[in-house]
C-alpha atoms as a PDB file:
ATOM      1  CA  MET A   1      59.511 -14.339 -24.345  1.00  0.00           C
ATOM      2  CA  ALA A   2      60.505 -17.520 -22.906  1.00  0.00           C
ATOM      3  CA  LEU A   3      57.747 -19.873 -21.311  1.00  0.00           C
ATOM      4  CA  PHE A   4      58.568 -21.683 -17.930  1.00  0.00           C
ATOM      5  CA  ASN A   5      61.310 -24.174 -17.832  1.00  0.00           C
ATOM      6  CA  ALA A   6      60.462 -26.797 -15.144  1.00  0.00           C
ATOM      7  CA  ASN A   7      64.057 -27.863 -14.847  1.00  0.00           C
ATOM      8  CA  ASN A   8      64.791 -24.288 -13.701  1.00  0.00           C
ATOM      9  CA  CYS A   9      61.999 -23.566 -11.370  1.00  0.00           C
ATOM     10  CA  LYS A  10      63.728 -22.754  -8.299  1.00  0.00           C
ATOM     11  CA  ALA A  11      65.494 -19.924 -10.167  1.00  0.00           C
ATOM     12  CA  PHE A  12      62.420 -17.997  -9.956  1.00  0.00           C
ATOM     13  CA  LEU A  13      62.084 -17.843  -6.229  1.00  0.00           C
ATOM     14  CA  ALA A  14      63.037 -14.232  -5.961  1.00  0.00           C
ATOM     15  CA  PRO A  15      63.683 -11.566  -8.341  1.00  0.00           C
ATOM     16  CA  ILE A  16      61.664  -8.334  -9.802  1.00  0.00           C
ATOM     17  CA  PHE A  17      62.837  -4.818 -10.621  1.00  0.00           C
ATOM     18  CA  LEU A  18      61.803  -1.173 -11.189  1.00  0.00           C
ATOM     19  CA  PHE A  19      60.195   0.405 -14.195  1.00  0.00           C
ATOM     20  CA  GLY A  20      59.437   4.111 -14.665  1.00  0.00           C
ATOM     21  CA  PHE A  21      56.508   4.651 -16.894  1.00  0.00           C
ATOM     22  CA  PHE A  22      53.039   6.165 -16.872  1.00  0.00           C
ATOM     23  CA  ILE A  23      49.694   4.818 -18.427  1.00  0.00           C
ATOM     24  CA  SER A  24      46.940   7.616 -17.895  1.00  0.00           C
ATOM     25  CA  GLY A  25      48.391   8.565 -14.601  1.00  0.00           C
ATOM     26  CA  LEU A  26      51.016   5.728 -14.359  1.00  0.00           C
ATOM     27  CA  GLU A  27      53.965   8.509 -14.672  1.00  0.00           C
ATOM     28  CA  LEU A  28      56.986   7.411 -16.112  1.00  0.00           C
ATOM     29  CA  ALA A  29      58.636  10.752 -16.271  1.00  0.00           C
ATOM     30  CA  GLY A  30      61.627  11.081 -14.515  1.00  0.00           C
ATOM     31  CA  ALA A  31      62.000   7.177 -14.526  1.00  0.00           C
ATOM     32  CA  GLN A  32      65.288   6.945 -16.283  1.00  0.00           C
ATOM     33  CA  SER A  33      65.823   3.191 -16.221  1.00  0.00           C
ATOM     34  CA  VAL A  34      62.487   2.371 -17.771  1.00  0.00           C
ATOM     35  CA  GLY A  35      61.231   1.745 -21.419  1.00  0.00           C
ATOM     36  CA  VAL A  36      58.535  -0.184 -23.145  1.00  0.00           C
ATOM     37  CA  CYS A  37      58.796  -2.725 -25.795  1.00  0.00           C
ATOM     38  CA  ASN A  38      56.895  -1.981 -29.077  1.00  0.00           C
ATOM     39  CA  GLY A  39      56.009  -5.190 -30.611  1.00  0.00           C
ATOM     40  CA  LYS A  40      54.259  -5.410 -34.065  1.00  0.00           C
ATOM     41  CA  ASN A  41      52.425  -8.888 -34.012  1.00  0.00           C
ATOM     42  CA  GLY A  42      48.819  -7.279 -34.463  1.00  0.00           C
ATOM     43  CA  ASN A  43      46.548  -6.428 -37.402  1.00  0.00           C
ATOM     44  CA  ASP A  44      44.712  -3.630 -35.344  1.00  0.00           C
ATOM     45  CA  LEU A  45      47.776  -1.674 -33.992  1.00  0.00           C
ATOM     46  CA  PRO A  46      47.952   2.121 -34.318  1.00  0.00           C
ATOM     47  CA  SER A  47      50.188   3.967 -36.925  1.00  0.00           C
ATOM     48  CA  ASP A  48      53.919   4.541 -36.006  1.00  0.00           C
ATOM     49  CA  GLY A  49      53.261   8.142 -35.550  1.00  0.00           C
ATOM     50  CA  GLU A  50      50.259   7.617 -33.153  1.00  0.00           C
ATOM     51  CA  VAL A  51      52.457   5.148 -31.202  1.00  0.00           C
ATOM     52  CA  ILE A  52      55.366   7.594 -30.918  1.00  0.00           C
ATOM     53  CA  ASP A  53      52.912  10.092 -29.768  1.00  0.00           C
ATOM     54  CA  LEU A  54      51.516   7.848 -27.119  1.00  0.00           C
ATOM     55  CA  TYR A  55      55.035   7.269 -25.778  1.00  0.00           C
ATOM     56  CA  LYS A  56      55.800  10.818 -25.693  1.00  0.00           C
ATOM     57  CA  SER A  57      52.416  11.868 -23.987  1.00  0.00           C
ATOM     58  CA  ASN A  58      52.974   9.206 -21.471  1.00  0.00           C
ATOM     59  CA  GLY A  59      56.472  10.316 -20.765  1.00  0.00           C
ATOM     60  CA  ILE A  60      57.964   7.223 -21.967  1.00  0.00           C
ATOM     61  CA  GLY A  61      61.584   7.786 -23.133  1.00  0.00           C
ATOM     62  CA  ARG A  62      62.803   4.306 -24.094  1.00  0.00           C
ATOM     63  CA  MET A  63      61.655   1.721 -26.663  1.00  0.00           C
ATOM     64  CA  ARG A  64      62.436  -1.522 -27.928  1.00  0.00           C
ATOM     65  CA  ILE A  65      61.765  -2.754 -31.413  1.00  0.00           C
ATOM     66  CA  TYR A  66      62.570  -6.341 -32.681  1.00  0.00           C
ATOM     67  CA  GLU A  67      63.487  -5.414 -36.196  1.00  0.00           C
ATOM     68  CA  PRO A  68      64.295  -2.350 -38.219  1.00  0.00           C
ATOM     69  CA  TYR A  69      60.865  -1.215 -39.539  1.00  0.00           C
ATOM     70  CA  SER A  70      61.751   1.931 -41.629  1.00  0.00           C
ATOM     71  CA  THR A  71      58.174   3.410 -40.678  1.00  0.00           C
ATOM     72  CA  THR A  72      58.894   3.200 -37.078  1.00  0.00           C
ATOM     73  CA  LEU A  73      62.476   4.589 -37.488  1.00  0.00           C
ATOM     74  CA  ASP A  74      61.140   7.526 -39.573  1.00  0.00           C
ATOM     75  CA  ALA A  75      58.441   8.177 -37.015  1.00  0.00           C
ATOM     76  CA  LEU A  76      61.267   8.210 -34.290  1.00  0.00           C
ATOM     77  CA  ARG A  77      63.043  10.944 -35.887  1.00  0.00           C
ATOM     78  CA  GLY A  78      63.643  13.949 -33.464  1.00  0.00           C
ATOM     79  CA  SER A  79      61.438  12.237 -30.712  1.00  0.00           C
ATOM     80  CA  ASN A  80      64.596  11.951 -28.278  1.00  0.00           C
ATOM     81  CA  ILE A  81      63.252   8.393 -27.456  1.00  0.00           C
ATOM     82  CA  GLU A  82      66.115   6.154 -26.868  1.00  0.00           C
ATOM     83  CA  LEU A  83      66.042   2.864 -28.648  1.00  0.00           C
ATOM     84  CA  ILE A  84      66.898  -0.746 -28.509  1.00  0.00           C
ATOM     85  CA  ILE A  85      66.812  -2.061 -32.167  1.00  0.00           C
ATOM     86  CA  GLY A  86      66.726  -5.944 -32.787  1.00  0.00           C
ATOM     87  CA  ILE A  87      67.928  -8.163 -35.483  1.00  0.00           C
ATOM     88  CA  LEU A  88      65.902 -11.232 -36.016  1.00  0.00           C
ATOM     89  CA  ASN A  89      67.333 -14.809 -35.502  1.00  0.00           C
ATOM     90  CA  LYS A  90      66.614 -15.691 -39.173  1.00  0.00           C
ATOM     91  CA  ASP A  91      68.958 -12.777 -40.085  1.00  0.00           C
ATOM     92  CA  LEU A  92      72.028 -13.839 -37.845  1.00  0.00           C
ATOM     93  CA  GLN A  93      73.449 -16.093 -40.406  1.00  0.00           C
ATOM     94  CA  GLY A  94      73.577 -13.373 -43.217  1.00  0.00           C
ATOM     95  CA  LEU A  95      75.334 -11.059 -40.851  1.00  0.00           C
ATOM     96  CA  THR A  96      78.389 -13.269 -40.313  1.00  0.00           C
ATOM     97  CA  ASN A  97      79.418 -11.682 -43.657  1.00  0.00           C
ATOM     98  CA  ALA A  98      81.260  -8.579 -42.768  1.00  0.00           C
ATOM     99  CA  ALA A  99      80.015  -6.560 -45.922  1.00  0.00           C
ATOM    100  CA  ALA A 100      76.404  -7.602 -45.100  1.00  0.00           C
ATOM    101  CA  ALA A 101      76.886  -6.310 -41.465  1.00  0.00           C
ATOM    102  CA  THR A 102      78.324  -3.181 -42.865  1.00  0.00           C
ATOM    103  CA  THR A 103      75.186  -2.750 -45.309  1.00  0.00           C
ATOM    104  CA  TRP A 104      72.905  -3.360 -42.411  1.00  0.00           C
ATOM    105  CA  VAL A 105      74.236  -0.679 -40.253  1.00  0.00           C
ATOM    106  CA  GLN A 106      74.310   1.951 -42.874  1.00  0.00           C
ATOM    107  CA  ASN A 107      70.915   1.263 -43.925  1.00  0.00           C
ATOM    108  CA  ASN A 108      69.334   0.926 -40.483  1.00  0.00           C
ATOM    109  CA  ILE A 109      71.644   2.937 -38.214  1.00  0.00           C
ATOM    110  CA  ARG A 110      73.862   5.509 -40.185  1.00  0.00           C
ATOM    111  CA  ASN A 111      70.901   6.556 -42.340  1.00  0.00           C
ATOM    112  CA  TYR A 112      68.732   7.681 -39.250  1.00  0.00           C
ATOM    113  CA  TRP A 113      71.546   8.812 -36.778  1.00  0.00           C
ATOM    114  CA  PRO A 114      71.604  11.262 -34.914  1.00  0.00           C
ATOM    115  CA  ASP A 115      67.942  11.922 -35.448  1.00  0.00           C
ATOM    116  CA  VAL A 116      67.161   8.543 -33.906  1.00  0.00           C
ATOM    117  CA  LYS A 117      68.900   7.878 -30.506  1.00  0.00           C
ATOM    118  CA  PHE A 118      69.985   4.323 -30.786  1.00  0.00           C
ATOM    119  CA  LYS A 119      71.293   2.911 -27.629  1.00  0.00           C
ATOM    120  CA  TYR A 120      71.671  -0.762 -28.151  1.00  0.00           C
ATOM    121  CA  ILE A 121      71.636  -3.267 -31.080  1.00  0.00           C
ATOM    122  CA  ALA A 122      70.206  -6.680 -29.751  1.00  0.00           C
ATOM    123  CA  VAL A 123      71.635  -9.312 -32.139  1.00  0.00           C
ATOM    124  CA  GLY A 124      69.212 -12.156 -31.690  1.00  0.00           C
ATOM    125  CA  ASN A 125      66.437 -12.772 -29.228  1.00  0.00           C
ATOM    126  CA  GLU A 126      66.367 -15.731 -27.001  1.00  0.00           C
ATOM    127  CA  VAL A 127      68.834 -17.813 -29.041  1.00  0.00           C
ATOM    128  CA  HIS A 128      69.304 -21.164 -27.134  1.00  0.00           C
ATOM    129  CA  PRO A 129      72.724 -23.103 -27.170  1.00  0.00           C
ATOM    130  CA  GLY A 130      71.079 -26.005 -29.078  1.00  0.00           C
ATOM    131  CA  ASP A 131      69.525 -23.631 -31.855  1.00  0.00           C
ATOM    132  CA  ALA A 132      70.747 -23.733 -35.361  1.00  0.00           C
ATOM    133  CA  GLU A 133      71.430 -19.904 -34.951  1.00  0.00           C
ATOM    134  CA  ALA A 134      73.595 -20.193 -31.997  1.00  0.00           C
ATOM    135  CA  GLN A 135      76.644 -20.388 -33.981  1.00  0.00           C
ATOM    136  CA  TYR A 136      76.138 -17.234 -35.729  1.00  0.00           C
ATOM    137  CA  VAL A 137      75.154 -14.919 -32.748  1.00  0.00           C
ATOM    138  CA  LEU A 138      78.782 -14.166 -31.712  1.00  0.00           C
ATOM    139  CA  PRO A 139      80.113 -13.609 -35.207  1.00  0.00           C
ATOM    140  CA  ALA A 140      77.142 -11.243 -35.961  1.00  0.00           C
ATOM    141  CA  ILE A 141      77.782  -9.250 -33.001  1.00  0.00           C
ATOM    142  CA  GLN A 142      81.367  -8.917 -33.756  1.00  0.00           C
ATOM    143  CA  ASN A 143      80.630  -7.571 -37.371  1.00  0.00           C
ATOM    144  CA  ILE A 144      77.794  -5.523 -36.338  1.00  0.00           C
ATOM    145  CA  HIS A 145      80.189  -3.785 -33.684  1.00  0.00           C
ATOM    146  CA  ASN A 146      82.880  -3.475 -36.079  1.00  0.00           C
ATOM    147  CA  ALA A 147      80.585  -1.539 -38.537  1.00  0.00           C
ATOM    148  CA  ILE A 148      79.392   0.624 -35.669  1.00  0.00           C
ATOM    149  CA  ALA A 149      83.044   1.189 -34.792  1.00  0.00           C
ATOM    150  CA  VAL A 150      83.939   2.151 -38.431  1.00  0.00           C
ATOM    151  CA  ALA A 151      81.066   4.857 -38.032  1.00  0.00           C
ATOM    152  CA  SER A 152      82.814   6.154 -34.945  1.00  0.00           C
ATOM    153  CA  LEU A 153      79.622   5.324 -32.922  1.00  0.00           C
ATOM    154  CA  GLN A 154      80.857   2.636 -30.668  1.00  0.00           C
ATOM    155  CA  ASP A 155      80.726   4.734 -27.565  1.00  0.00           C
ATOM    156  CA  GLN A 156      77.147   5.808 -28.088  1.00  0.00           C
ATOM    157  CA  ILE A 157      75.719   2.517 -29.425  1.00  0.00           C
ATOM    158  CA  LYS A 158      76.473  -0.740 -27.836  1.00  0.00           C
ATOM    159  CA  VAL A 159      75.898  -4.013 -29.343  1.00  0.00           C
ATOM    160  CA  SER A 160      74.716  -7.202 -27.570  1.00  0.00           C
ATOM    161  CA  THR A 161      72.035 -10.057 -27.486  1.00  0.00           C
ATOM    162  CA  SER A 162      69.026 -10.677 -25.581  1.00  0.00           C
ATOM    163  CA  ILE A 163      68.643 -14.012 -23.691  1.00  0.00           C
ATOM    164  CA  ASP A 164      66.140 -15.650 -21.528  1.00  0.00           C
ATOM    165  CA  THR A 165      66.385 -17.209 -18.092  1.00  0.00           C
ATOM    166  CA  THR A 166      66.610 -20.675 -19.586  1.00  0.00           C
ATOM    167  CA  LEU A 167      70.345 -20.507 -19.857  1.00  0.00           C
ATOM    168  CA  LEU A 168      70.871 -20.629 -16.061  1.00  0.00           C
ATOM    169  CA  GLY A 169      71.349 -24.384 -14.975  1.00  0.00           C
ATOM    170  CA  ASN A 170      71.006 -23.330 -11.260  1.00  0.00           C
ATOM    171  CA  SER A 171      69.243 -20.236  -9.908  1.00  0.00           C
ATOM    172  CA  TYR A 172      68.346 -21.111  -6.256  1.00  0.00           C
ATOM    173  CA  PRO A 173      69.477 -19.356  -4.266  1.00  0.00           C
ATOM    174  CA  PRO A 174      70.624 -16.426  -6.229  1.00  0.00           C
ATOM    175  CA  SER A 175      74.160 -16.703  -5.026  1.00  0.00           C
ATOM    176  CA  ALA A 176      74.256 -20.257  -6.630  1.00  0.00           C
ATOM    177  CA  GLY A 177      73.248 -18.758  -9.910  1.00  0.00           C
ATOM    178  CA  SER A 178      75.307 -20.335 -12.917  1.00  0.00           C
ATOM    179  CA  PHE A 179      75.050 -21.107 -16.581  1.00  0.00           C
ATOM    180  CA  SER A 180      73.982 -24.613 -17.464  1.00  0.00           C
ATOM    181  CA  ASP A 181      76.612 -26.873 -18.861  1.00  0.00           C
ATOM    182  CA  SER A 182      75.061 -26.833 -22.093  1.00  0.00           C
ATOM    183  CA  ALA A 183      74.979 -22.962 -22.207  1.00  0.00           C
ATOM    184  CA  ASN A 184      78.323 -22.124 -20.753  1.00  0.00           C
ATOM    185  CA  SER A 185      80.490 -22.302 -23.804  1.00  0.00           C
ATOM    186  CA  TYR A 186      78.009 -20.527 -25.690  1.00  0.00           C
ATOM    187  CA  ILE A 187      77.344 -17.619 -23.483  1.00  0.00           C
ATOM    188  CA  THR A 188      80.836 -17.214 -22.022  1.00  0.00           C
ATOM    189  CA  ALA A 189      82.374 -16.067 -25.386  1.00  0.00           C
ATOM    190  CA  ILE A 190      79.572 -13.654 -25.649  1.00  0.00           C
ATOM    191  CA  VAL A 191      80.194 -12.365 -22.214  1.00  0.00           C
ATOM    192  CA  ASN A 192      83.692 -11.789 -22.766  1.00  0.00           C
ATOM    193  CA  PHE A 193      83.021  -9.827 -26.006  1.00  0.00           C
ATOM    194  CA  LEU A 194      80.529  -7.553 -24.056  1.00  0.00           C
ATOM    195  CA  VAL A 195      82.968  -7.113 -21.333  1.00  0.00           C
ATOM    196  CA  SER A 196      85.653  -6.189 -23.630  1.00  0.00           C
ATOM    197  CA  ASN A 197      83.631  -3.606 -25.357  1.00  0.00           C
ATOM    198  CA  GLY A 198      81.677  -2.125 -22.386  1.00  0.00           C
ATOM    199  CA  ALA A 199      78.236  -3.529 -23.602  1.00  0.00           C
ATOM    200  CA  PRO A 200      75.514  -4.932 -21.390  1.00  0.00           C
ATOM    201  CA  LEU A 201      74.029  -8.259 -21.274  1.00  0.00           C
ATOM    202  CA  LEU A 202      70.231  -8.078 -22.039  1.00  0.00           C
ATOM    203  CA  VAL A 203      68.004 -10.480 -20.265  1.00  0.00           C
ATOM    204  CA  ASN A 204      64.368 -11.088 -20.555  1.00  0.00           C
ATOM    205  CA  VAL A 205      62.864 -11.611 -16.992  1.00  0.00           C
ATOM    206  CA  TYR A 206      59.393 -13.066 -16.380  1.00  0.00           C
ATOM    207  CA  PRO A 207      58.359 -13.688 -12.768  1.00  0.00           C
ATOM    208  CA  TYR A 208      54.980 -14.490 -14.223  1.00  0.00           C
ATOM    209  CA  PHE A 209      56.121 -17.750 -15.955  1.00  0.00           C
ATOM    210  CA  SER A 210      58.297 -18.779 -13.195  1.00  0.00           C
ATOM    211  CA  TYR A 211      55.270 -18.439 -10.718  1.00  0.00           C
ATOM    212  CA  THR A 212      52.814 -20.366 -12.988  1.00  0.00           C
ATOM    213  CA  GLY A 213      55.322 -23.024 -13.541  1.00  0.00           C
ATOM    214  CA  ASN A 214      55.789 -23.650 -10.080  1.00  0.00           C
ATOM    215  CA  PRO A 215      52.901 -22.340  -7.759  1.00  0.00           C
ATOM    216  CA  SER A 216      53.363 -24.957  -5.086  1.00  0.00           C
ATOM    217  CA  GLN A 217      57.005 -23.391  -4.269  1.00  0.00           C
ATOM    218  CA  ILE A 218      56.437 -19.756  -5.328  1.00  0.00           C
ATOM    219  CA  SER A 219      53.856 -17.569  -3.822  1.00  0.00           C
ATOM    220  CA  LEU A 220      51.763 -15.080  -5.807  1.00  0.00           C
ATOM    221  CA  PRO A 221      52.812 -12.190  -3.562  1.00  0.00           C
ATOM    222  CA  TYR A 222      56.415 -12.924  -3.951  1.00  0.00           C
ATOM    223  CA  ALA A 223      55.736 -12.576  -7.699  1.00  0.00           C
ATOM    224  CA  LEU A 224      53.999  -9.601  -7.669  1.00  0.00           C
ATOM    225  CA  PHE A 225      56.192  -7.549  -5.106  1.00  0.00           C
ATOM    226  CA  THR A 226      53.386  -7.773  -2.311  1.00  0.00           C
ATOM    227  CA  SER A 227      55.258 -10.010   0.038  1.00  0.00           C
ATOM    228  CA  PRO A 228      55.197  -8.393   3.581  1.00  0.00           C
ATOM    229  CA  GLY A 229      58.739  -9.576   4.439  1.00  0.00           C
ATOM    230  CA  VAL A 230      61.715 -11.433   3.151  1.00  0.00           C
ATOM    231  CA  VAL A 231      60.821 -14.843   1.558  1.00  0.00           C
ATOM    232  CA  VAL A 232      64.338 -16.099   0.808  1.00  0.00           C
ATOM    233  CA  ASN A 233      67.340 -15.598   2.860  1.00  0.00           C
ATOM    234  CA  ASP A 234      70.611 -16.090   0.923  1.00  0.00           C
ATOM    235  CA  GLY A 235      73.725 -15.444   3.074  1.00  0.00           C
ATOM    236  CA  ASN A 236      73.537 -11.903   4.199  1.00  0.00           C
ATOM    237  CA  LEU A 237      71.030 -11.059   1.532  1.00  0.00           C
ATOM    238  CA  GLY A 238      67.174 -11.286   1.939  1.00  0.00           C
ATOM    239  CA  TYR A 239      64.661 -11.484  -1.162  1.00  0.00           C
ATOM    240  CA  GLN A 240      61.333 -10.130  -0.784  1.00  0.00           C
ATOM    241  CA  ASN A 241      60.489 -10.416  -4.492  1.00  0.00           C
ATOM    242  CA  LEU A 242      60.975 -12.905  -7.380  1.00  0.00           C
ATOM    243  CA  PHE A 243      62.239 -10.450 -10.042  1.00  0.00           C
ATOM    244  CA  ASP A 244      65.315  -9.362  -7.752  1.00  0.00           C
ATOM    245  CA  ALA A 245      66.167 -13.020  -7.071  1.00  0.00           C
ATOM    246  CA  MET A 246      66.022 -13.826 -10.902  1.00  0.00           C
ATOM    247  CA  VAL A 247      68.158 -10.755 -11.863  1.00  0.00           C
ATOM    248  CA  ASP A 248      70.753 -11.505  -9.084  1.00  0.00           C
ATOM    249  CA  ALA A 249      70.851 -15.295 -10.133  1.00  0.00           C
ATOM    250  CA  HIS A 250      72.079 -13.834 -13.464  1.00  0.00           C
ATOM    251  CA  TYR A 251      74.591 -11.656 -11.798  1.00  0.00           C
ATOM    252  CA  SER A 252      75.999 -14.714  -9.851  1.00  0.00           C
ATOM    253  CA  ALA A 253      76.047 -16.623 -12.970  1.00  0.00           C
ATOM    254  CA  LEU A 254      78.151 -13.840 -14.668  1.00  0.00           C
ATOM    255  CA  GLU A 255      80.662 -13.744 -11.555  1.00  0.00           C
ATOM    256  CA  LYS A 256      81.207 -17.472 -12.105  1.00  0.00           C
ATOM    257  CA  ALA A 257      81.803 -16.726 -15.820  1.00  0.00           C
ATOM    258  CA  GLY A 258      84.525 -14.208 -14.881  1.00  0.00           C
ATOM    259  CA  ALA A 259      82.404 -10.933 -15.550  1.00  0.00           C
ATOM    260  CA  PRO A 260      81.469  -9.729 -12.220  1.00  0.00           C
ATOM    261  CA  ASN A 261      81.164  -6.193 -13.325  1.00  0.00           C
ATOM    262  CA  LEU A 262      78.968  -6.905 -16.531  1.00  0.00           C
ATOM    263  CA  GLN A 263      75.839  -4.765 -16.384  1.00  0.00           C
ATOM    264  CA  ILE A 264      72.590  -6.390 -16.825  1.00  0.00           C
ATOM    265  CA  VAL A 265      69.803  -4.601 -18.843  1.00  0.00           C
ATOM    266  CA  VAL A 266      66.307  -6.264 -18.259  1.00  0.00           C
ATOM    267  CA  SER A 267      65.100  -6.236 -22.030  1.00  0.00           C
ATOM    268  CA  GLU A 268      61.606  -7.557 -21.173  1.00  0.00           C
ATOM    269  CA  SER A 269      59.356  -8.050 -18.209  1.00  0.00           C
ATOM    270  CA  GLY A 270      55.646  -8.322 -17.980  1.00  0.00           C
ATOM    271  CA  TRP A 271      52.514  -9.835 -16.762  1.00  0.00           C
ATOM    272  CA  PRO A 272      49.304 -10.811 -18.852  1.00  0.00           C
ATOM    273  CA  SER A 273      45.829  -9.528 -18.043  1.00  0.00           C
ATOM    274  CA  GLU A 274      44.071 -12.683 -19.389  1.00  0.00           C
ATOM    275  CA  GLY A 275      44.531 -15.929 -21.120  1.00  0.00           C
ATOM    276  CA  GLY A 276      46.178 -18.152 -18.383  1.00  0.00           C
ATOM    277  CA  ASP A 277      46.544 -18.764 -14.680  1.00  0.00           C
ATOM    278  CA  ALA A 278      46.934 -15.679 -12.441  1.00  0.00           C
ATOM    279  CA  ALA A 279      46.545 -13.570 -15.579  1.00  0.00           C
ATOM    280  CA  SER A 280      44.104 -10.933 -14.781  1.00  0.00           C
ATOM    281  CA  ALA A 281      43.993  -7.132 -14.956  1.00  0.00           C
ATOM    282  CA  ASP A 282      44.203  -6.776 -11.163  1.00  0.00           C
ATOM    283  CA  ASN A 283      47.332  -8.838 -11.063  1.00  0.00           C
ATOM    284  CA  ALA A 284      49.036  -7.346 -14.104  1.00  0.00           C
ATOM    285  CA  GLY A 285      48.281  -3.733 -12.830  1.00  0.00           C
ATOM    286  CA  THR A 286      49.812  -4.722  -9.443  1.00  0.00           C
ATOM    287  CA  TYR A 287      52.926  -6.180 -11.096  1.00  0.00           C
ATOM    288  CA  TYR A 288      53.575  -2.965 -13.491  1.00  0.00           C
ATOM    289  CA  LYS A 289      52.764  -0.532 -10.651  1.00  0.00           C
ATOM    290  CA  ASN A 290      55.062  -2.130  -8.147  1.00  0.00           C
ATOM    291  CA  LEU A 291      57.791  -2.831 -10.839  1.00  0.00           C
ATOM    292  CA  ILE A 292      57.820   0.735 -11.578  1.00  0.00           C
ATOM    293  CA  ASN A 293      58.223   1.530  -7.949  1.00  0.00           C
ATOM    294  CA  HIS A 294      61.161  -0.861  -7.429  1.00  0.00           C
ATOM    295  CA  VAL A 295      63.571  -0.296 -10.293  1.00  0.00           C
ATOM    296  CA  LYS A 296      65.395   2.644  -9.131  1.00  0.00           C
ATOM    297  CA  GLY A 297      66.637   0.983  -5.960  1.00  0.00           C
ATOM    298  CA  GLY A 298      68.428  -2.010  -7.559  1.00  0.00           C
ATOM    299  CA  THR A 299      68.615  -5.746  -6.314  1.00  0.00           C
ATOM    300  CA  PRO A 300      70.080  -6.996  -3.246  1.00  0.00           C
ATOM    301  CA  LYS A 301      73.283  -7.710  -4.850  1.00  0.00           C
ATOM    302  CA  LYS A 302      73.451  -4.389  -6.545  1.00  0.00           C
ATOM    303  CA  GLN A 303      71.626  -2.042  -4.034  1.00  0.00           C
ATOM    304  CA  GLY A 304      71.324   1.561  -5.239  1.00  0.00           C
ATOM    305  CA  GLN A 305      72.176   0.594  -8.803  1.00  0.00           C
ATOM    306  CA  ALA A 306      68.839   1.201 -10.937  1.00  0.00           C
ATOM    307  CA  ILE A 307      68.444  -1.507 -13.393  1.00  0.00           C
ATOM    308  CA  GLU A 308      67.274  -0.351 -16.949  1.00  0.00           C
ATOM    309  CA  THR A 309      64.303  -2.409 -17.570  1.00  0.00           C
ATOM    310  CA  TYR A 310      61.928  -2.629 -20.668  1.00  0.00           C
ATOM    311  CA  LEU A 311      58.294  -3.441 -19.925  1.00  0.00           C
ATOM    312  CA  PHE A 312      56.509  -5.977 -22.206  1.00  0.00           C
ATOM    313  CA  ALA A 313      54.775  -4.844 -24.138  1.00  0.00           C
ATOM    314  CA  MET A 314      53.060  -1.397 -25.302  1.00  0.00           C
ATOM    315  CA  PHE A 315      49.843  -3.167 -26.793  1.00  0.00           C
ATOM    316  CA  ASP A 316      47.985  -6.258 -26.751  1.00  0.00           C
ATOM    317  CA  GLU A 317      48.990  -8.187 -29.994  1.00  0.00           C
ATOM    318  CA  ASN A 318      46.270 -10.203 -31.557  1.00  0.00           C
ATOM    319  CA  LEU A 319      48.622 -12.242 -33.860  1.00  0.00           C
ATOM    320  CA  LYS A 320      51.055 -13.442 -31.407  1.00  0.00           C
ATOM    321  CA  GLY A 321      50.850 -17.005 -30.143  1.00  0.00           C
ATOM    322  CA  PRO A 322      50.487 -19.949 -30.160  1.00  0.00           C
ATOM    323  CA  GLU A 323      49.329 -19.479 -26.583  1.00  0.00           C
ATOM    324  CA  GLU A 324      46.264 -17.369 -25.893  1.00  0.00           C
ATOM    325  CA  ILE A 325      48.175 -15.496 -23.134  1.00  0.00           C
ATOM    326  CA  GLU A 326      50.799 -14.013 -25.331  1.00  0.00           C
ATOM    327  CA  LYS A 327      48.221 -11.793 -26.804  1.00  0.00           C
ATOM    328  CA  HIS A 328      47.496  -9.971 -23.516  1.00  0.00           C
ATOM    329  CA  PHE A 329      50.814  -8.440 -22.315  1.00  0.00           C
ATOM    330  CA  GLY A 330      50.004  -4.922 -23.547  1.00  0.00           C
ATOM    331  CA  LEU A 331      49.830  -1.718 -21.328  1.00  0.00           C
ATOM    332  CA  PHE A 332      47.299  -0.422 -23.864  1.00  0.00           C
ATOM    333  CA  LEU A 333      44.686  -1.621 -25.993  1.00  0.00           C
ATOM    334  CA  PRO A 334      45.286  -1.189 -29.762  1.00  0.00           C
ATOM    335  CA  ASN A 335      42.796   1.575 -29.693  1.00  0.00           C
ATOM    336  CA  LYS A 336      45.348   3.336 -27.206  1.00  0.00           C
ATOM    337  CA  GLN A 337      43.165   3.112 -24.226  1.00  0.00           C
ATOM    338  CA  ASN A 338      45.212   2.175 -21.102  1.00  0.00           C
ATOM    339  CA  LYS A 339      44.397  -1.093 -19.346  1.00  0.00           C
ATOM    340  CA  TYR A 340      45.612  -0.047 -15.874  1.00  0.00           C
ATOM    341  CA  GLN A 341      44.902   2.727 -13.753  1.00  0.00           C
ATOM    342  CA  ILE A 342      48.358   3.375 -12.055  1.00  0.00           C
ATOM    343  CA  THR A 343      48.115   6.808 -10.724  1.00  0.00           C
ATOM    344  CA  SER A 344      51.450   7.459  -9.075  1.00  0.00           C
ATOM    345  CA  PHE A 345      54.955   6.795  -9.661  1.00  0.00           C
ATOM    346  CA  GLY A 346      57.018   5.812  -6.582  1.00  0.00           C
END
């Protein structure tokens, strides 16, 4: 989860997308493009078996986890839940060794496949060009992909990485979206690999942080999908919500990077219920409901192309931080009670 970058504020004047999921009555069944992130940063969370049962009882067919917890993977066996499995940034350097990558795939993928339906492997999360780990991302992706290919799973499981919106140097209007000079060489090499192997780019998209970082220029309705009309005109395209604008700015950046057909998967998006400006149960419920009702239709640049999106997160996590707000992104409380009464899906 990336906090707001003031240098990139205008990038957030326009995007949001659709998620399918149901909390109590919030129906995700049939919403094939939506999943929910399952974080573990809490000391009061339900058992893995209870979590899987909650996904299934709510019709949530996709999950993201951030590292290969064996208890979670065991609980997922036979569930038919599609999975993004992550590799922590601290583990990237070790995976630049091909033998280590082969062992990782054996232990965390092959030992569970096909009982667990892996869809993507996220090699690193929100690694920035200046980070020490940046030099390890592409070699680790390549080694993990090669190990997946040796297992003949390269058509079923795609290997990528998850970025945040701070890699954009320009994002307003969305058609002007481009990667920053500092990020360009880092991300372009990764993008080329993804294109060559038919894998999507995973992007964490948070209109909440864009809005709270620049409330004088971004309206709350624009961030919550409640604007009554077009807010941003960009050539022949009109943007009525911030999520769409943010996603399309990344599509524009990919075009400029020579990858006009690369798919984006929104690997995180959410709104907190307390702990900061505009963080309330009403706003969060509105955001999730409208995101769910929006996703299937695509963005202005990609109309009719549903965007696979993962809501952040399944539970409030009391050990996240350091900001208080990071503890309050859950769709459910740790006692499995839903936080939002969303009674219809689209």
